[in-house]
């Protein structure tokens, strides 16, 4: 995997075909586990064999960026948490559309609480077959304050035929990745900047850092 573009709005990476096939292999393992426990796939409206591979893409890239072990083979046992960075819980979300939203389904049976359980969610999107982009991030509190029904149909059907409501943040409503990389430095990103003499990400805006400061104060209480 190599970084091909980096600025305050996007971190673009390119993977090899061999790496993609490894992701497919891991996704199939997760798919088989889903069948064993009769679990609903993460991406609503998609067959599990596609959903589990798509979900694995973002997790695999994030793991490589931060030197983590390969994504866990959890199905629903992760509680909405894929990784931990510096004590913060991270949920890695993936959207097949380059301009796609960060979205969470609402909780059954009353569908009033979104299934955002980590402290931070990060959004990866597909640019092309072997090129993917980190497009933004949100704290749980930011999502709870600012999420809204999508412009597309807010009700979708999951693989089991159950109607699911969705809440989203559009990419323009997410925090910039520059702020995330300032707070959670990646050795791979540092090497890329050093090798290309790329401009460092902008200093995080008050809006970006305020969420983390607020969350920090809540954690100390």
Foldseek 3Di string as FASTA:
>chain_A
DAWDDDEQFKTKDFDDPVVLVVLLVLLVLLLVVCVVVVHFAPDFPDPSSVRSSQLQVQQQVVCVQAVHDRWDSDGCVVQQFTDAAPRFTEHEEEDADPQDWDKFWADPDVRPHTSRDTQKYWYKYDPDDGMIMGGAMDGPVLCVVDWDQDPPDQWGAGPVRDIIGMITDGSVSGFTVLQVCVVGPTPSVVVVCVVVVDDRYDHGDCVSVVSVVVVVVVVVD
